[in-house]
């Protein structure tokens, strides 16, 4: 088992203290690995959004929201 959800559910239902201790460790490890994945993906999403903003402003001549220029004023 590596999915944190399955591990967590197994820990909730486990009554054997020895097995429960192992499940808690495995669940914490799975949670940590998933958080690392999400952190990396969040950075990748931010980079993609920045790239799209540059494409819109530099190649499609859309207004740059960070320039402070107001539209329709």
C-alpha atoms as a PDB file:
ATOM      1  CA  UNK A   1       0.000   0.000   0.000  1.00  0.00           C
ATOM      2  CA  UNK A   2       1.359   3.410  -0.901  1.00  0.00           C
ATOM      3  CA  UNK A   3      -1.717   5.603  -1.293  1.00  0.00           C
ATOM      4  CA  UNK A   4      -1.987   7.805   1.794  1.00  0.00           C
ATOM      5  CA  UNK A   5      -5.781   7.594   1.810  1.00  0.00           C
ATOM      6  CA  UNK A   6      -5.793   3.797   1.937  1.00  0.00           C
ATOM      7  CA  UNK A   7      -3.094   3.786   4.605  1.00  0.00           C
ATOM      8  CA  UNK A   8      -4.924   6.333   6.734  1.00  0.00           C
ATOM      9  CA  UNK A   9      -8.182   4.409   6.511  1.00  0.00           C
ATOM     10  CA  UNK A  10      -6.365   1.209   7.444  1.00  0.00           C
ATOM     11  CA  UNK A  11      -4.836   2.963  10.465  1.00  0.00           C
ATOM     12  CA  UNK A  12      -8.247   4.231  11.585  1.00  0.00           C
ATOM     13  CA  UNK A  13      -9.668   0.707  11.470  1.00  0.00           C
ATOM     14  CA  UNK A  14      -6.658  -1.147  12.911  1.00  0.00           C
ATOM     15  CA  UNK A  15      -6.938  -2.577  16.433  1.00  0.00           C
ATOM     16  CA  UNK A  16      -3.605  -4.394  16.706  1.00  0.00           C
ATOM     17  CA  UNK A  17      -1.129  -1.921  18.289  1.00  0.00           C
ATOM     18  CA  UNK A  18       1.878  -3.437  16.495  1.00  0.00           C
ATOM     19  CA  UNK A  19       0.225  -3.205  13.083  1.00  0.00           C
ATOM     20  CA  UNK A  20      -1.181   0.234  13.940  1.00  0.00           C
ATOM     21  CA  UNK A  21       2.290   1.562  14.741  1.00  0.00           C
ATOM     22  CA  UNK A  22       3.565   0.346  11.348  1.00  0.00           C
ATOM     23  CA  UNK A  23       0.562   1.838   9.549  1.00  0.00           C
ATOM     24  CA  UNK A  24       1.067   5.189  11.266  1.00  0.00           C
ATOM     25  CA  UNK A  25       4.698   5.267  10.081  1.00  0.00           C
ATOM     26  CA  UNK A  26       3.755   4.240   6.545  1.00  0.00           C
ATOM     27  CA  UNK A  27       0.943   6.814   6.439  1.00  0.00           C
ATOM     28  CA  UNK A  28       3.219   9.613   7.615  1.00  0.00           C
ATOM     29  CA  UNK A  29       5.777   8.652   4.981  1.00  0.00           C
ATOM     30  CA  UNK A  30       3.112   8.570   2.257  1.00  0.00           C
ATOM     31  CA  UNK A  31       1.770  11.965   3.379  1.00  0.00           C
ATOM     32  CA  UNK A  32       5.250  13.478   3.323  1.00  0.00           C
ATOM     33  CA  UNK A  33       5.958  12.125  -0.186  1.00  0.00           C
ATOM     34  CA  UNK A  34       2.606  13.453  -1.437  1.00  0.00           C
ATOM     35  CA  UNK A  35       3.251  16.896   0.055  1.00  0.00           C
ATOM     36  CA  UNK A  36       6.600  17.002  -1.756  1.00  0.00           C
ATOM     37  CA  UNK A  37       4.863  16.096  -5.023  1.00  0.00           C
ATOM     38  CA  UNK A  38       2.257  18.810  -4.499  1.00  0.00           C
ATOM     39  CA  UNK A  39       4.906  21.383  -3.667  1.00  0.00           C
ATOM     40  CA  UNK A  40       6.780  20.600  -6.868  1.00  0.00           C
ATOM     41  CA  UNK A  41       3.576  20.675  -8.908  1.00  0.00           C
ATOM     42  CA  UNK A  42       2.575  24.000  -7.366  1.00  0.00           C
ATOM     43  CA  UNK A  43       5.890  25.501  -8.513  1.00  0.00           C
ATOM     44  CA  UNK A  44       5.386  24.062 -11.991  1.00  0.00           C
ATOM     45  CA  UNK A  45       1.861  25.533 -12.146  1.00  0.00           C
ATOM     46  CA  UNK A  46       3.154  28.956 -11.070  1.00  0.00           C
ATOM     47  CA  UNK A  47       5.835  28.816 -13.778  1.00  0.00           C
ATOM     48  CA  UNK A  48       3.241  27.822 -16.388  1.00  0.00           C
ATOM     49  CA  UNK A  49       0.962  30.692 -15.332  1.00  0.00           C
ATOM     50  CA  UNK A  50       3.883  33.120 -15.576  1.00  0.00           C
ATOM     51  CA  UNK A  51       4.730  31.804 -19.037  1.00  0.00           C
ATOM     52  CA  UNK A  52       1.125  32.278 -20.173  1.00  0.00           C
ATOM     53  CA  UNK A  53       1.094  35.821 -18.764  1.00  0.00           C
ATOM     54  CA  UNK A  54       4.235  36.609 -20.765  1.00  0.00           C
ATOM     55  CA  UNK A  55       2.716  35.116 -23.913  1.00  0.00           C
ATOM     56  CA  UNK A  56      -0.453  37.158 -23.457  1.00  0.00           C
ATOM     57  CA  UNK A  57       1.336  40.446 -22.818  1.00  0.00           C
ATOM     58  CA  UNK A  58       4.320  40.075 -25.170  1.00  0.00           C
ATOM     59  CA  UNK A  59       2.818  38.175 -28.089  1.00  0.00           C
ATOM     60  CA  UNK A  60      -0.904  38.862 -27.905  1.00  0.00           C
ATOM     61  CA  UNK A  61      -0.604  42.499 -26.742  1.00  0.00           C
ATOM     62  CA  UNK A  62      -2.869  41.988 -23.752  1.00  0.00           C
ATOM     63  CA  UNK A  63      -2.506  44.490 -20.920  1.00  0.00           C
ATOM     64  CA  UNK A  64       0.038  43.544 -18.272  1.00  0.00           C
ATOM     65  CA  UNK A  65      -1.809  43.362 -14.928  1.00  0.00           C
ATOM     66  CA  UNK A  66       1.414  44.054 -13.010  1.00  0.00           C
ATOM     67  CA  UNK A  67       2.187  47.253 -14.927  1.00  0.00           C
ATOM     68  CA  UNK A  68      -0.276  49.356 -12.929  1.00  0.00           C
ATOM     69  CA  UNK A  69      -1.896  50.514 -16.174  1.00  0.00           C
ATOM     70  CA  UNK A  70      -5.672  50.815 -15.795  1.00  0.00           C
ATOM     71  CA  UNK A  71      -8.051  49.850 -18.557  1.00  0.00           C
ATOM     72  CA  UNK A  72     -10.910  52.144 -19.545  1.00  0.00           C
ATOM     73  CA  UNK A  73      -9.831  55.094 -17.446  1.00  0.00           C
END
